[in-house]
Protein backbone atom coordinates (compact mmCIF):
# COMPACT_ATOMS: atom_id res chain seq x y z
CA UNK A 1 0.00 0.00 0.00
CA UNK A 2 1.00 3.63 -0.49
CA UNK A 3 0.87 5.38 2.87
CA UNK A 4 0.57 8.78 1.19
CA UNK A 5 -3.05 7.85 0.55
CA UNK A 6 -3.71 7.89 4.30
CA UNK A 7 -3.13 11.65 4.48
CA UNK A 8 -5.69 14.31 3.61
CA UNK A 9 -5.46 17.88 2.24
CA UNK A 10 -8.00 19.40 4.65
CA UNK A 11 -9.61 18.89 8.05
CA UNK A 12 -12.95 17.93 6.49
CA UNK A 13 -11.39 15.23 4.31
CA UNK A 14 -9.18 14.00 7.14
CA UNK A 15 -12.21 13.67 9.40
CA UNK A 16 -14.19 11.78 6.78
CA UNK A 17 -11.28 9.44 6.06
CA UNK A 18 -10.70 8.78 9.77
CA UNK A 19 -14.37 7.99 10.42
CA UNK A 20 -14.60 5.68 7.40
CA UNK A 21 -11.47 3.73 8.28
CA UNK A 22 -12.41 3.54 11.95
CA UNK A 23 -15.82 2.16 11.07
CA UNK A 24 -14.37 -0.33 8.61
CA UNK A 25 -11.92 -1.51 11.29
CA UNK A 26 -14.73 -2.14 13.77
CA UNK A 27 -14.00 0.80 16.04
CA UNK A 28 -16.50 2.11 18.57
CA UNK A 29 -16.98 5.76 17.61
CA UNK A 30 -18.00 8.84 19.56
CA UNK A 31 -17.99 12.52 18.62
CA UNK A 32 -17.73 15.59 20.85
CA UNK A 33 -19.17 18.53 18.89
CA UNK A 34 -17.18 21.77 18.98
CA UNK A 35 -19.00 25.09 19.62
CA UNK A 36 -17.44 26.83 16.60
CA UNK A 37 -17.67 26.19 12.86
CA UNK A 38 -14.95 25.72 10.29
CA UNK A 39 -13.98 28.34 7.69
CA UNK A 40 -16.46 26.75 5.26
CA UNK A 41 -19.23 26.82 7.87
CA UNK A 42 -18.94 23.07 8.43
CA UNK A 43 -19.30 21.38 11.80
CA UNK A 44 -16.23 20.67 13.92
CA UNK A 45 -15.72 17.91 16.43
CA UNK A 46 -13.32 15.66 18.28
CA UNK A 47 -13.81 12.12 17.01
CA UNK A 48 -12.85 9.21 19.25
CA UNK A 49 -12.38 5.60 18.14
CA UNK A 50 -11.79 2.62 20.44
CA UNK A 51 -10.42 -0.74 19.31
CA UNK A 52 -10.18 -3.81 21.51
CA UNK A 53 -11.73 -4.82 24.84
CA UNK A 54 -13.15 -1.94 26.89
CA UNK A 55 -11.66 -3.39 30.07
CA UNK A 56 -8.16 -3.79 28.60
CA UNK A 57 -5.32 -3.50 31.08
CA UNK A 58 -3.06 -1.81 28.51
CA UNK A 59 -4.15 1.01 26.19
CA UNK A 60 -2.25 2.83 23.46
CA UNK A 61 -3.55 6.39 23.01
CA UNK A 62 -2.84 8.14 19.69
CA UNK A 63 -3.57 11.89 19.78
CA UNK A 64 -3.83 13.98 16.61
CA UNK A 65 -4.17 17.74 16.38
CA UNK A 66 -3.09 19.05 19.79
CA UNK A 67 -1.70 21.91 17.75
CA UNK A 68 -4.52 22.07 15.20
CA UNK A 69 -2.67 22.52 11.90
CA UNK A 70 -0.27 19.76 12.96
CA UNK A 71 -3.25 17.40 12.75
CA UNK A 72 -2.47 16.49 9.14
CA UNK A 73 0.40 14.40 10.48
CA UNK A 74 -1.41 12.68 13.33
CA UNK A 75 -4.53 12.02 11.29
CA UNK A 76 -2.48 10.42 8.52
CA UNK A 77 -0.62 8.24 11.03
CA UNK A 78 -3.89 7.09 12.59
CA UNK A 79 -5.49 6.27 9.24
CA UNK A 80 -2.36 4.45 8.07
CA UNK A 81 -2.41 2.31 11.23
CA UNK A 82 -6.02 1.37 10.46
CA UNK A 83 -5.48 0.85 6.73
CA UNK A 84 -2.73 -1.66 7.50
CA UNK A 85 -5.11 -3.70 9.65
CA UNK A 86 -3.13 -3.10 12.85
CA UNK A 87 -6.30 -2.58 14.91
CA UNK A 88 -7.43 -6.09 14.01
CA UNK A 89 -4.19 -7.67 15.25
CA UNK A 90 -4.04 -6.33 18.78
CA UNK A 91 -2.77 -8.82 21.37
CA UNK A 92 -4.96 -9.94 24.24
CA UNK A 93 -5.38 -7.37 26.96
CA UNK A 94 -4.40 -4.39 24.79
CA UNK A 95 -6.68 -1.75 23.26
CA UNK A 96 -6.14 1.38 21.18
CA UNK A 97 -7.80 4.75 21.74
CA UNK A 98 -7.55 7.24 18.88
CA UNK A 99 -8.36 10.90 19.50
CA UNK A 100 -8.77 12.63 16.15
CA UNK A 101 -8.39 16.41 16.09
CA UNK A 102 -8.47 17.21 19.80
CA UNK A 103 -8.20 20.83 18.64
CA UNK A 104 -10.52 20.70 15.61
CA UNK A 105 -10.79 24.48 15.31
CA UNK A 106 -7.05 24.83 14.81
CA UNK A 107 -6.99 21.95 12.32
CA UNK A 108 -9.83 23.37 10.23
CA UNK A 109 -8.66 27.00 10.36
CA UNK A 110 -4.96 26.11 9.87
CA UNK A 111 -3.90 27.42 13.26
CA UNK A 112 -1.79 25.92 16.04
CA UNK A 113 -4.07 27.43 18.66
CA UNK A 114 -7.62 26.78 19.84
CA UNK A 115 -10.56 29.08 19.15
CA UNK A 116 -9.62 30.88 22.39
CA UNK A 117 -6.21 31.66 20.80
CA UNK A 118 -4.61 29.33 23.35
CA UNK A 119 -1.77 26.90 22.78
CA UNK A 120 -3.32 23.70 24.13
CA UNK A 121 0.12 22.37 24.99
CA UNK A 122 0.67 25.31 27.37
CA UNK A 123 -2.85 25.17 28.86
CA UNK A 124 -2.40 22.28 31.33
CA UNK A 125 -1.58 24.40 34.37
CA UNK A 126 -3.41 24.96 37.65
CA UNK A 127 -5.21 28.26 37.09
CA UNK A 128 -6.06 28.48 40.79
CA UNK A 129 -2.36 29.09 41.47
CA UNK A 130 -0.07 31.92 40.33
CA UNK A 131 0.67 31.48 36.65
CA UNK A 132 4.22 30.91 35.39
CA UNK A 133 6.11 34.03 34.40
CA UNK A 134 8.10 34.46 31.20
CA UNK A 135 9.98 37.77 31.46
CA UNK A 136 11.81 37.07 28.21
CA UNK A 137 8.56 36.96 26.27
CA UNK A 138 7.33 40.08 28.08
CA UNK A 139 10.43 41.95 26.89
CA UNK A 140 10.01 40.75 23.31
CA UNK A 141 6.22 40.74 22.95
CA UNK A 142 5.97 43.83 20.73
CA UNK A 143 8.72 42.49 18.45
CA UNK A 144 7.16 39.04 18.23
CA UNK A 145 3.60 40.19 17.49
CA UNK A 146 3.61 43.72 16.06
CA UNK A 147 0.34 45.50 15.26
CA UNK A 148 1.38 45.86 11.60
CA UNK A 149 2.78 42.96 9.57
CA UNK A 150 5.03 45.00 7.29
CA UNK A 151 8.55 44.44 6.04
CA UNK A 152 9.70 47.23 8.34
CA UNK A 153 8.00 45.69 11.39
CA UNK A 154 9.46 42.27 10.62
CA UNK A 155 12.95 43.73 10.19
CA UNK A 156 12.63 45.66 13.45
CA UNK A 157 11.42 42.56 15.26
CA UNK A 158 14.29 40.50 13.89
CA UNK A 159 16.75 43.11 15.08
CA UNK A 160 15.26 43.15 18.58
CA UNK A 161 15.27 39.37 18.84
CA UNK A 162 18.80 39.26 17.46
CA UNK A 163 19.96 41.62 20.20
CA UNK A 164 18.27 39.40 22.81
CA UNK A 165 20.03 36.37 21.32
CA UNK A 166 23.42 38.09 21.47
CA UNK A 167 22.91 39.05 25.11
CA UNK A 168 21.25 35.92 26.51
CA UNK A 169 22.10 33.04 24.13
CA UNK A 170 20.02 30.70 21.94
CA UNK A 171 18.50 28.59 24.75
CA UNK A 172 17.19 31.66 26.55
CA UNK A 173 15.74 33.07 23.33
CA UNK A 174 14.00 29.81 22.45
CA UNK A 175 12.50 29.57 25.92
CA UNK A 176 11.38 33.20 25.81
CA UNK A 177 9.67 32.64 22.47
CA UNK A 178 8.15 29.18 22.89
CA UNK A 179 8.30 28.13 26.54
CA UNK A 180 4.80 29.46 27.18
CA UNK A 181 3.40 32.78 28.38
CA UNK A 182 0.22 33.83 30.20
CA UNK A 183 0.11 37.64 29.92
CA UNK A 184 -0.41 38.35 26.21
CA UNK A 185 -3.73 36.91 24.94
CA UNK A 186 -3.09 37.89 21.32
CA UNK A 187 0.47 36.64 21.36
CA UNK A 188 1.99 33.29 20.44
CA UNK A 189 2.39 30.27 22.74
CA UNK A 190 -0.27 31.80 25.01
CA UNK A 191 -1.33 29.36 27.74
CA UNK A 192 -4.69 30.98 28.48
CA UNK A 193 -6.48 32.15 31.62
CA UNK A 194 -8.63 29.02 32.15
CA UNK A 195 -8.91 25.45 30.84
CA UNK A 196 -9.87 25.52 27.17
CA UNK A 197 -12.70 23.58 25.56
CA UNK A 198 -10.16 21.16 24.10
CA UNK A 199 -8.50 20.58 27.47
CA UNK A 200 -11.85 19.91 29.12
CA UNK A 201 -12.81 17.57 26.29
CA UNK A 202 -9.55 15.61 26.46
CA UNK A 203 -9.94 15.33 30.23
CA UNK A 204 -13.43 13.87 29.80
CA UNK A 205 -12.18 11.40 27.17
CA UNK A 206 -9.42 10.18 29.47
CA UNK A 207 -11.84 9.81 32.38
CA UNK A 208 -14.46 7.99 30.30
CA UNK A 209 -12.21 5.64 28.35
CA UNK A 210 -9.16 4.99 30.50
CA UNK A 211 -10.56 4.50 33.99
CA UNK A 212 -9.99 0.72 33.85
CA UNK A 213 -6.50 0.80 32.35
CA UNK A 214 -3.50 -0.11 34.45
CA UNK A 215 -0.94 0.77 31.77
CA UNK A 216 -1.32 3.62 29.29
CA UNK A 217 1.02 4.53 26.43
CA UNK A 218 0.51 7.92 24.76
CA UNK A 219 1.83 9.09 21.40
CA UNK A 220 1.03 12.74 20.74
CA UNK A 221 1.80 13.75 17.14
CA UNK A 222 3.51 17.07 16.47
CA UNK A 223 5.32 18.76 13.60
CA UNK A 224 7.55 21.77 12.98
CA UNK A 225 10.82 20.97 14.77
CA UNK A 226 13.81 19.19 13.30
CA UNK A 227 15.01 17.96 9.89
CA UNK A 228 12.55 17.15 7.11
CA UNK A 229 10.60 14.00 7.91
CA UNK A 230 12.66 13.00 10.94
CA UNK A 231 10.62 11.93 13.96
CA UNK A 232 12.14 13.05 17.24
CA UNK A 233 10.82 11.05 20.20
CA UNK A 234 10.39 13.63 22.95
CA UNK A 235 9.73 12.63 26.56
CA UNK A 236 8.92 15.48 28.92
CA UNK A 237 10.13 13.64 32.04
CA UNK A 238 13.83 13.91 32.96
CA UNK A 239 16.30 11.02 32.75
CA UNK A 240 16.00 8.76 35.76
CA UNK A 241 12.27 9.30 36.18
CA UNK A 242 10.24 6.07 35.84
CA UNK A 243 8.31 7.29 32.80
CA UNK A 244 11.51 8.32 31.04
CA UNK A 245 13.20 4.99 31.74
CA UNK A 246 10.18 3.04 30.47
CA UNK A 247 10.09 5.20 27.34
CA UNK A 248 13.78 4.51 26.77
CA UNK A 249 13.21 0.77 27.17
CA UNK A 250 10.26 0.84 24.75
CA UNK A 251 11.36 3.36 22.13
CA UNK A 252 15.13 3.20 22.36
CA UNK A 253 18.05 5.35 23.37
CA UNK A 254 17.29 8.01 20.77
CA UNK A 255 14.53 9.50 22.92
CA UNK A 256 15.15 13.10 23.97
CA UNK A 257 13.97 15.35 26.77
CA UNK A 258 13.79 19.13 27.15
CA UNK A 259 14.70 18.52 30.80
CA UNK A 260 18.31 17.64 29.97
CA UNK A 261 18.74 19.77 26.84
CA UNK A 262 18.77 16.86 24.37
CA UNK A 263 15.53 17.87 22.64
CA UNK A 264 14.99 20.43 19.91
CA UNK A 265 12.10 21.65 22.07
CA UNK A 266 12.63 24.16 24.84
CA UNK A 267 11.34 23.24 28.31
CA UNK A 268 7.67 24.23 28.31
CA UNK A 269 5.00 24.79 30.90
CA UNK A 270 1.50 23.34 30.78
CA UNK A 271 2.07 20.47 28.33
CA UNK A 272 -0.48 17.70 27.99
CA UNK A 273 1.93 14.79 28.36
CA UNK A 274 3.17 16.14 31.66
CA UNK A 275 -0.42 16.44 32.86
CA UNK A 276 -1.47 12.92 31.80
CA UNK A 277 -0.33 11.02 34.92
CA UNK A 278 -2.42 13.35 37.07
CA UNK A 279 -5.48 12.55 34.94
CA UNK A 280 -4.81 8.81 35.24
CA UNK A 281 -3.80 8.26 38.88
CA UNK A 282 -4.26 4.47 38.85
CA UNK A 283 -2.36 3.91 35.62
CA UNK A 284 1.31 3.61 34.78
CA UNK A 285 1.70 6.25 32.05
CA UNK A 286 4.44 6.14 29.42
CA UNK A 287 4.17 9.07 27.03
CA UNK A 288 6.04 10.74 24.22
CA UNK A 289 5.56 13.35 21.55
CA UNK A 290 6.51 12.19 18.06
CA UNK A 291 7.81 15.44 16.56
CA UNK A 292 8.22 15.40 12.76
CA UNK A 293 10.47 17.96 11.13
CA UNK A 294 9.30 20.22 8.30
CA UNK A 295 10.98 23.56 7.65
CA UNK A 296 13.69 25.51 9.45
CA UNK A 297 12.91 26.84 12.91
CA UNK A 298 13.09 30.41 11.59
CA UNK A 299 10.54 29.69 8.84
CA UNK A 300 8.20 27.91 11.24
CA UNK A 301 8.31 30.68 13.82
CA UNK A 302 7.74 33.33 11.15
CA UNK A 303 4.63 31.48 10.00
CA UNK A 304 3.30 31.28 13.58
CA UNK A 305 3.85 35.01 14.08
CA UNK A 306 2.19 35.86 10.76
CA UNK A 307 -0.85 33.78 11.66
CA UNK A 308 -1.13 35.45 15.07
CA UNK A 309 -1.10 38.87 13.39
CA UNK A 310 -3.65 37.73 10.80
CA UNK A 311 -6.25 36.63 13.35
CA UNK A 312 -5.63 39.65 15.61
CA UNK A 313 -5.56 42.36 12.95
CA UNK A 314 -6.14 40.96 9.45
CA UNK A 315 -8.68 39.11 7.31
CA UNK A 316 -8.09 35.36 6.78
CA UNK A 317 -10.28 35.47 3.63
CA UNK A 318 -8.20 38.21 1.97
CA UNK A 319 -5.48 37.42 -0.59
CA UNK A 320 -2.86 38.18 2.05
CA UNK A 321 -4.72 36.03 4.54
CA UNK A 322 -4.80 33.10 2.13
CA UNK A 323 -1.06 33.49 1.53
CA UNK A 324 -0.39 33.36 5.27
CA UNK A 325 -2.60 30.30 5.57
CA UNK A 326 -0.58 28.58 2.84
CA UNK A 327 2.58 29.61 4.70
CA UNK A 328 1.53 28.10 8.03
CA UNK A 329 0.19 24.95 6.37
CA UNK A 330 3.56 24.38 4.70
CA UNK A 331 5.37 25.06 7.98
CA UNK A 332 3.56 22.21 9.73
CA UNK A 333 2.61 19.78 6.96
CA UNK A 334 5.09 18.21 4.58
CA UNK A 335 2.65 17.69 1.75
CA UNK A 336 4.76 15.27 -0.29
CA UNK A 337 4.85 11.50 -0.57
CA UNK A 338 8.33 11.08 0.90
CA UNK A 339 7.42 13.02 4.06
CA UNK A 340 4.15 11.13 4.47
CA UNK A 341 5.92 7.80 4.07
CA UNK A 342 8.49 8.78 6.69
CA UNK A 343 5.71 9.76 9.11
CA UNK A 344 3.82 6.52 8.54
CA UNK A 345 6.87 4.28 8.93
CA UNK A 346 8.14 5.94 12.09
CA UNK A 347 4.66 6.04 13.59
CA UNK A 348 4.02 2.37 12.87
CA UNK A 349 7.27 1.39 14.56
CA UNK A 350 6.51 3.58 17.59
CA UNK A 351 3.01 2.11 17.90
CA UNK A 352 4.24 -1.47 17.66
CA UNK A 353 6.93 -0.73 20.22
CA UNK A 354 4.35 0.80 22.57
CA UNK A 355 2.08 -2.23 22.23
CA UNK A 356 5.02 -4.52 22.98
CA UNK A 357 5.84 -2.37 26.00
CA UNK A 358 2.28 -2.57 27.26
CA UNK A 359 2.67 -6.35 27.13
CA UNK A 360 5.92 -6.14 29.08
CA UNK A 361 8.00 -7.29 26.12
CA UNK A 362 10.45 -4.39 25.96
CA UNK A 363 11.74 -2.79 22.79
CA UNK A 364 10.60 -3.99 19.36
CA UNK A 365 12.35 -3.32 16.05
CA UNK A 366 10.95 -3.55 12.56
CA UNK A 367 11.71 -6.99 11.18
CA UNK A 368 11.88 -8.20 7.62
CA UNK A 369 9.62 -10.85 6.24
CA UNK A 370 5.88 -11.35 5.67
CA UNK A 371 3.80 -8.80 7.53
CA UNK A 372 6.87 -6.79 8.53
CA UNK A 373 6.57 -3.03 8.89
CA UNK A 374 8.34 -1.06 6.20
CA UNK A 375 8.35 2.58 5.24
CA UNK A 376 6.01 2.55 2.21
CA UNK A 377 6.81 4.17 -1.11
């Protein structure tokens, strides 16, 4: 099979393909309707598919679309898993839970953020407590998200950020830009002032579907960091922590962590993987983000900033708005067969390794022979 056929050019087509393949594979389906509509006026929703026994001790959770526009990747990986018949070959005692487009607004509108303009992966904080500070972002906020998106404003912003880089270094700049901030609602990487609709929905899904599980593996699909098509396996826990050590045993020594500086990601606040064990207190949780590279970090960040300006000050339906939408889509979706094949192959391996880990079998590698997993053409 050609795994490129598992990927879709739009949210609406991705949703339809996911629902069809889930139904064909015998999945139990449920939809949580979103309060907003898509750019075409169409309905939005988080679609959930369950495969295997409902009382399974071990559950693999595949999450697509935490950062909306990155949902092209996760949706394609989910559909490819189903198209290969993997859901029909689950071992005894193991189930799979697929969450399709947990941030459907961002997927449909080609945005990383939710309809509240919140980065869902910075939203998992305790809002009853003082919110984390990010003085670096505060100092750079006007340069990052200017009121006018002109060549002059972009050049001025680049100069300001360059001066910050020269004074504080690359790690400090990356954390200032992407670590998460809670004071600038129209800015980027904004963590919000309350739990978002998507956070509340994901919490309900976990509570409803995973209450019986004793072991939970989570793969959260992301894009935008790293070399083209390469899947970095990011674990938010630090080395030595039980979850990190299990992840290393399951997925291999190439896993990285922002906690020790081995990841392309800066340490962030309010991420969903870090919050998962608190949502599943009776389960042993082993979680990672599969981060697939697309463009350079500079190009990706420029696209995120342009999109923030567009929705704060511009018109997404204008010619300039459509150009920015094409820019952010390209920054987070490698719309070519080689990229899609790399995503599918790396995802399939990670899923099979997670299922083996849930069985207590340790690390699995892709073998050759009938039924073996291969990166498709």
